[in-house]
């Protein structure tokens, strides 16, 4: 990425991309009704119902035929800042970066914090709710408290561009940013600051749980019940989003 201040002088467009990152075209990666064979023909009722279910899937779980990629949508990228930080490995001042992950990872507000596990709800609606909760005003005050030369370290993370091309890039992130990141984002599934490991999803727990009536089975039954409520809740939100989406298409 070119120099931050040079971009500020060259034009607002380049500066906006440096600050906010690239514009990910979500609309390009959601199949249209015609792409899925939907139409007003009388013999397309089953296809139309299946298409509606697919739209709910992409809004709730992030998968389904409505997704052109077949997986949760979003980009991942580094933003190079004009600030410096101190590399804990060498003690040298290096250019500080920020890591932005716009791909929903199944971390649902309040639910994940209680269970300690991620869910399979990686659609656009859970992703928006997660981003809303992540808007923590306390982080603004934290930024003033870390000083002008905070500790940082070099990390290699997955990046996904606007064409959904996945690569690995390396940059320096400050430790206070790293400690708040999901360990599942890292290549080795371990957060290098907190040393916490990526945990399995609810689906894996349910598959590996024995059928005997044990305390672990009872806990899994509670997880299944919670998962049902989650599906109903986000399914309802997905239907509302689908209604708005269809209104936009009709216009």
Foldseek 3Di string as FASTA:
>chain_A
DDDQVVLVVVDDVSNCCLVVNDDADQVVFFDDCVVQVDDPDPVCPVSVVQVLVQLLCQAWQVAHPRGNVRGFDDWKDKRWDPAWAAEPVPRDIDTAIDIDTQFFDQDAPPVCVVPVAGASGGHNNSSVNVVVVVPDPVVVVVVVVQDRHAYWHKAWFWTQDSVRDIDIDIDIHGLVNLVPDQLCRGPVQARPNVRDGHDHYLVVLVVPDDPDPDPSVVVNVVVVVVVVVSCVVSSVVSVVVVVVVVVVVVD
